[in-house]
Amino acid sequence: MPGLNVNLAVMDLDNFKQINDRYGHLAGDTVFKDVARYWKTQLDSWEKNREKLTVRFGGDEMLIIVCAAL
């Protein structure tokens, strides 16, 4: 069974609470989706043979997970 290389990044969106407070939670959700989409496109252009996942981890934190077989 081959090994698995897992890379994990934790990102905190600065001033995210201010976006939610000023524009509402739907706007905040849109910001998170836009940030996730940005990182996914950056990772897609970086290397094609890896599984990539961006997820909301907490209130204003995001996980970026990249996995590849060794």
N, C-alpha and C. Protein backbone atom coordinates (compact mmCIF):
# COMPACT_ATOMS: atom_id res chain seq x y z
N MET A 1 0.85 -1.18 0.00
CA MET A 1 0.00 0.00 0.00
C MET A 1 0.89 1.23 0.00
N PRO A 2 0.69 2.16 -0.95
CA PRO A 2 1.54 3.35 -1.02
C PRO A 2 1.25 4.30 0.13
N GLY A 3 2.25 5.12 0.46
CA GLY A 3 2.08 6.13 1.50
C GLY A 3 1.27 7.31 0.99
N LEU A 4 0.92 8.16 1.90
CA LEU A 4 0.12 9.33 1.56
C LEU A 4 0.79 10.57 2.14
N ASN A 5 1.01 11.56 1.31
CA ASN A 5 1.56 12.84 1.74
C ASN A 5 0.39 13.80 1.94
N VAL A 6 0.24 14.33 3.16
CA VAL A 6 -0.86 15.24 3.46
C VAL A 6 -0.28 16.58 3.91
N ASN A 7 -0.69 17.63 3.24
CA ASN A 7 -0.30 18.99 3.61
C ASN A 7 -1.54 19.72 4.12
N LEU A 8 -1.38 20.43 5.21
CA LEU A 8 -2.51 21.11 5.85
C LEU A 8 -2.12 22.55 6.16
N ALA A 9 -2.98 23.47 5.79
CA ALA A 9 -2.78 24.88 6.12
C ALA A 9 -4.04 25.38 6.82
N VAL A 10 -3.85 26.17 7.86
CA VAL A 10 -4.96 26.80 8.56
C VAL A 10 -4.89 28.29 8.28
N MET A 11 -5.99 28.85 7.82
CA MET A 11 -6.04 30.26 7.46
C MET A 11 -7.11 30.94 8.30
N ASP A 12 -6.77 32.11 8.81
CA ASP A 12 -7.71 32.92 9.57
C ASP A 12 -7.99 34.18 8.75
N LEU A 13 -9.26 34.45 8.48
CA LEU A 13 -9.63 35.63 7.72
C LEU A 13 -9.76 36.83 8.66
N ASP A 14 -8.84 37.78 8.53
CA ASP A 14 -8.86 38.96 9.38
C ASP A 14 -10.11 39.80 9.15
N ASN A 15 -10.62 40.37 10.22
CA ASN A 15 -11.77 41.28 10.18
C ASN A 15 -13.04 40.64 9.64
N PHE A 16 -13.12 39.32 9.69
CA PHE A 16 -14.29 38.64 9.14
C PHE A 16 -15.56 38.99 9.93
N LYS A 17 -15.44 39.13 11.25
CA LYS A 17 -16.60 39.48 12.07
C LYS A 17 -17.20 40.82 11.62
N GLN A 18 -16.35 41.74 11.23
CA GLN A 18 -16.84 43.04 10.77
C GLN A 18 -17.66 42.90 9.49
N ILE A 19 -17.28 41.98 8.63
CA ILE A 19 -18.07 41.75 7.40
C ILE A 19 -19.44 41.22 7.77
N ASN A 20 -19.47 40.21 8.66
CA ASN A 20 -20.77 39.66 9.09
C ASN A 20 -21.62 40.72 9.78
N ASP A 21 -21.01 41.51 10.66
CA ASP A 21 -21.77 42.52 11.41
C ASP A 21 -22.31 43.61 10.50
N ARG A 22 -21.52 44.02 9.52
CA ARG A 22 -21.94 45.13 8.66
C ARG A 22 -22.86 44.69 7.53
N TYR A 23 -22.55 43.54 6.89
CA TYR A 23 -23.27 43.14 5.68
C TYR A 23 -24.16 41.91 5.86
N GLY A 24 -24.03 41.20 6.99
CA GLY A 24 -24.86 40.03 7.25
C GLY A 24 -24.14 38.73 6.95
N HIS A 25 -24.72 37.65 7.48
CA HIS A 25 -24.09 36.33 7.36
C HIS A 25 -24.08 35.80 5.93
N LEU A 26 -25.06 36.16 5.12
CA LEU A 26 -25.04 35.70 3.73
C LEU A 26 -23.85 36.29 2.98
N ALA A 27 -23.55 37.57 3.26
CA ALA A 27 -22.38 38.18 2.64
C ALA A 27 -21.11 37.51 3.15
N GLY A 28 -21.05 37.21 4.45
CA GLY A 28 -19.89 36.51 5.00
C GLY A 28 -19.69 35.16 4.36
N ASP A 29 -20.78 34.42 4.16
CA ASP A 29 -20.69 33.12 3.49
C ASP A 29 -20.15 33.27 2.06
N THR A 30 -20.57 34.32 1.38
CA THR A 30 -20.08 34.58 0.03
C THR A 30 -18.58 34.85 0.04
N VAL A 31 -18.11 35.61 1.02
CA VAL A 31 -16.68 35.87 1.14
C VAL A 31 -15.92 34.57 1.32
N PHE A 32 -16.41 33.70 2.21
CA PHE A 32 -15.74 32.42 2.43
C PHE A 32 -15.71 31.59 1.15
N LYS A 33 -16.80 31.54 0.42
CA LYS A 33 -16.84 30.78 -0.82
C LYS A 33 -15.87 31.35 -1.85
N ASP A 34 -15.79 32.67 -1.92
CA ASP A 34 -14.86 33.30 -2.86
C ASP A 34 -13.41 32.99 -2.50
N VAL A 35 -13.07 33.05 -1.20
CA VAL A 35 -11.71 32.74 -0.77
C VAL A 35 -11.39 31.27 -1.06
N ALA A 36 -12.32 30.36 -0.76
CA ALA A 36 -12.11 28.94 -1.04
C ALA A 36 -11.91 28.70 -2.53
N ARG A 37 -12.72 29.36 -3.35
CA ARG A 37 -12.60 29.22 -4.81
C ARG A 37 -11.25 29.73 -5.29
N TYR A 38 -10.79 30.85 -4.73
CA TYR A 38 -9.48 31.39 -5.11
C TYR A 38 -8.38 30.38 -4.82
N TRP A 39 -8.36 29.84 -3.59
CA TRP A 39 -7.30 28.90 -3.24
C TRP A 39 -7.39 27.63 -4.05
N LYS A 40 -8.60 27.18 -4.36
CA LYS A 40 -8.73 25.97 -5.18
C LYS A 40 -8.14 26.20 -6.57
N THR A 41 -8.40 27.37 -7.17
CA THR A 41 -7.84 27.63 -8.50
C THR A 41 -6.32 27.76 -8.43
N GLN A 42 -5.80 28.35 -7.36
CA GLN A 42 -4.35 28.45 -7.21
C GLN A 42 -3.72 27.07 -7.08
N LEU A 43 -4.34 26.20 -6.30
CA LEU A 43 -3.82 24.84 -6.12
C LEU A 43 -3.98 24.02 -7.40
N ASP A 44 -5.07 24.24 -8.13
CA ASP A 44 -5.26 23.51 -9.39
C ASP A 44 -4.18 23.86 -10.40
N SER A 45 -3.74 25.11 -10.41
CA SER A 45 -2.70 25.49 -11.35
C SER A 45 -1.33 25.02 -10.87
N TRP A 46 -1.23 24.66 -9.59
CA TRP A 46 0.05 24.27 -9.00
C TRP A 46 0.41 22.83 -9.35
N GLU A 47 -0.49 21.91 -9.12
CA GLU A 47 -0.20 20.50 -9.43
C GLU A 47 -1.50 19.74 -9.62
N LYS A 48 -1.59 19.02 -10.70
CA LYS A 48 -2.85 18.39 -11.10
C LYS A 48 -3.14 17.05 -10.42
N ASN A 49 -2.14 16.32 -10.00
CA ASN A 49 -2.38 14.95 -9.53
C ASN A 49 -2.58 14.86 -8.03
N ARG A 50 -3.06 15.90 -7.41
CA ARG A 50 -3.29 15.90 -5.97
C ARG A 50 -4.76 16.18 -5.68
N GLU A 51 -5.25 15.60 -4.60
CA GLU A 51 -6.61 15.89 -4.13
C GLU A 51 -6.53 17.15 -3.28
N LYS A 52 -7.43 18.09 -3.52
CA LYS A 52 -7.41 19.36 -2.81
C LYS A 52 -8.78 19.63 -2.20
N LEU A 53 -8.77 20.17 -1.00
CA LEU A 53 -10.01 20.46 -0.30
C LEU A 53 -9.85 21.74 0.50
N THR A 54 -10.79 22.65 0.37
CA THR A 54 -10.83 23.83 1.22
C THR A 54 -12.15 23.80 1.98
N VAL A 55 -12.07 23.95 3.30
CA VAL A 55 -13.28 23.87 4.12
C VAL A 55 -13.25 24.95 5.20
N ARG A 56 -14.44 25.36 5.59
CA ARG A 56 -14.57 26.27 6.72
C ARG A 56 -14.41 25.45 7.99
N PHE A 57 -13.52 25.90 8.86
CA PHE A 57 -13.18 25.14 10.07
C PHE A 57 -13.84 25.72 11.31
N GLY A 58 -14.04 26.99 11.33
CA GLY A 58 -14.64 27.66 12.48
C GLY A 58 -15.30 28.93 12.01
N GLY A 59 -15.45 29.87 12.92
CA GLY A 59 -16.10 31.13 12.56
C GLY A 59 -15.40 31.84 11.43
N ASP A 60 -14.09 32.02 11.56
CA ASP A 60 -13.35 32.73 10.50
C ASP A 60 -12.08 31.98 10.09
N GLU A 61 -12.05 30.69 10.35
CA GLU A 61 -10.90 29.87 9.97
C GLU A 61 -11.25 28.96 8.80
N MET A 62 -10.25 28.70 7.98
CA MET A 62 -10.40 27.82 6.83
C MET A 62 -9.24 26.83 6.83
N LEU A 63 -9.54 25.59 6.48
CA LEU A 63 -8.51 24.57 6.30
C LEU A 63 -8.30 24.36 4.81
N ILE A 64 -7.05 24.25 4.43
CA ILE A 64 -6.69 23.87 3.06
C ILE A 64 -5.92 22.58 3.18
N ILE A 65 -6.44 21.53 2.56
CA ILE A 65 -5.85 20.20 2.67
C ILE A 65 -5.47 19.73 1.27
N VAL A 66 -4.22 19.28 1.12
CA VAL A 66 -3.74 18.77 -0.17
C VAL A 66 -3.12 17.40 0.09
N CYS A 67 -3.59 16.37 -0.61
CA CYS A 67 -3.12 15.00 -0.43
C CYS A 67 -2.60 14.45 -1.75
N ALA A 68 -1.56 13.62 -1.64
CA ALA A 68 -1.03 12.94 -2.82
C ALA A 68 -0.39 11.63 -2.40
N ALA A 69 -0.53 10.62 -3.24
CA ALA A 69 0.14 9.34 -2.99
C ALA A 69 1.63 9.51 -3.19
N LEU A 70 2.41 8.83 -2.36
CA LEU A 70 3.87 8.88 -2.48
C LEU A 70 4.35 7.90 -3.51
